Amino acid sequence: MSTQADTQGSVTAVYKVSGMSCGHCEGAISGEISKIAGVDSVQASAATGEVTVTSAAPLDEEAVRAAVDEAGFELAGSA
């Protein structure tokens, strides 16, 4: 689940991800999510357990869930 906001032609969504504990975790998650078509930027924070994604249009949450799973983590819910 995510929180989304539209700003100036882009969408920012914040996702909660469980299991992030270090910079390597942040990089793994960011790398997988950035492969989703339309993603402009990804900012993962192990400290907060949140991943902020900016994209051209709202993302399919199942695509985000699959990317997070591929990185070895779990989408935990709304931020």
Foldseek 3Di string as FASTA:
>chain_A
DWDWDDDDQKIKIKFAWPDQADPVLQVLLQVLVVPDPFWDGWGADSVVRMIITMGNDDDDVVSSQVSNVVSPIGGDDYD
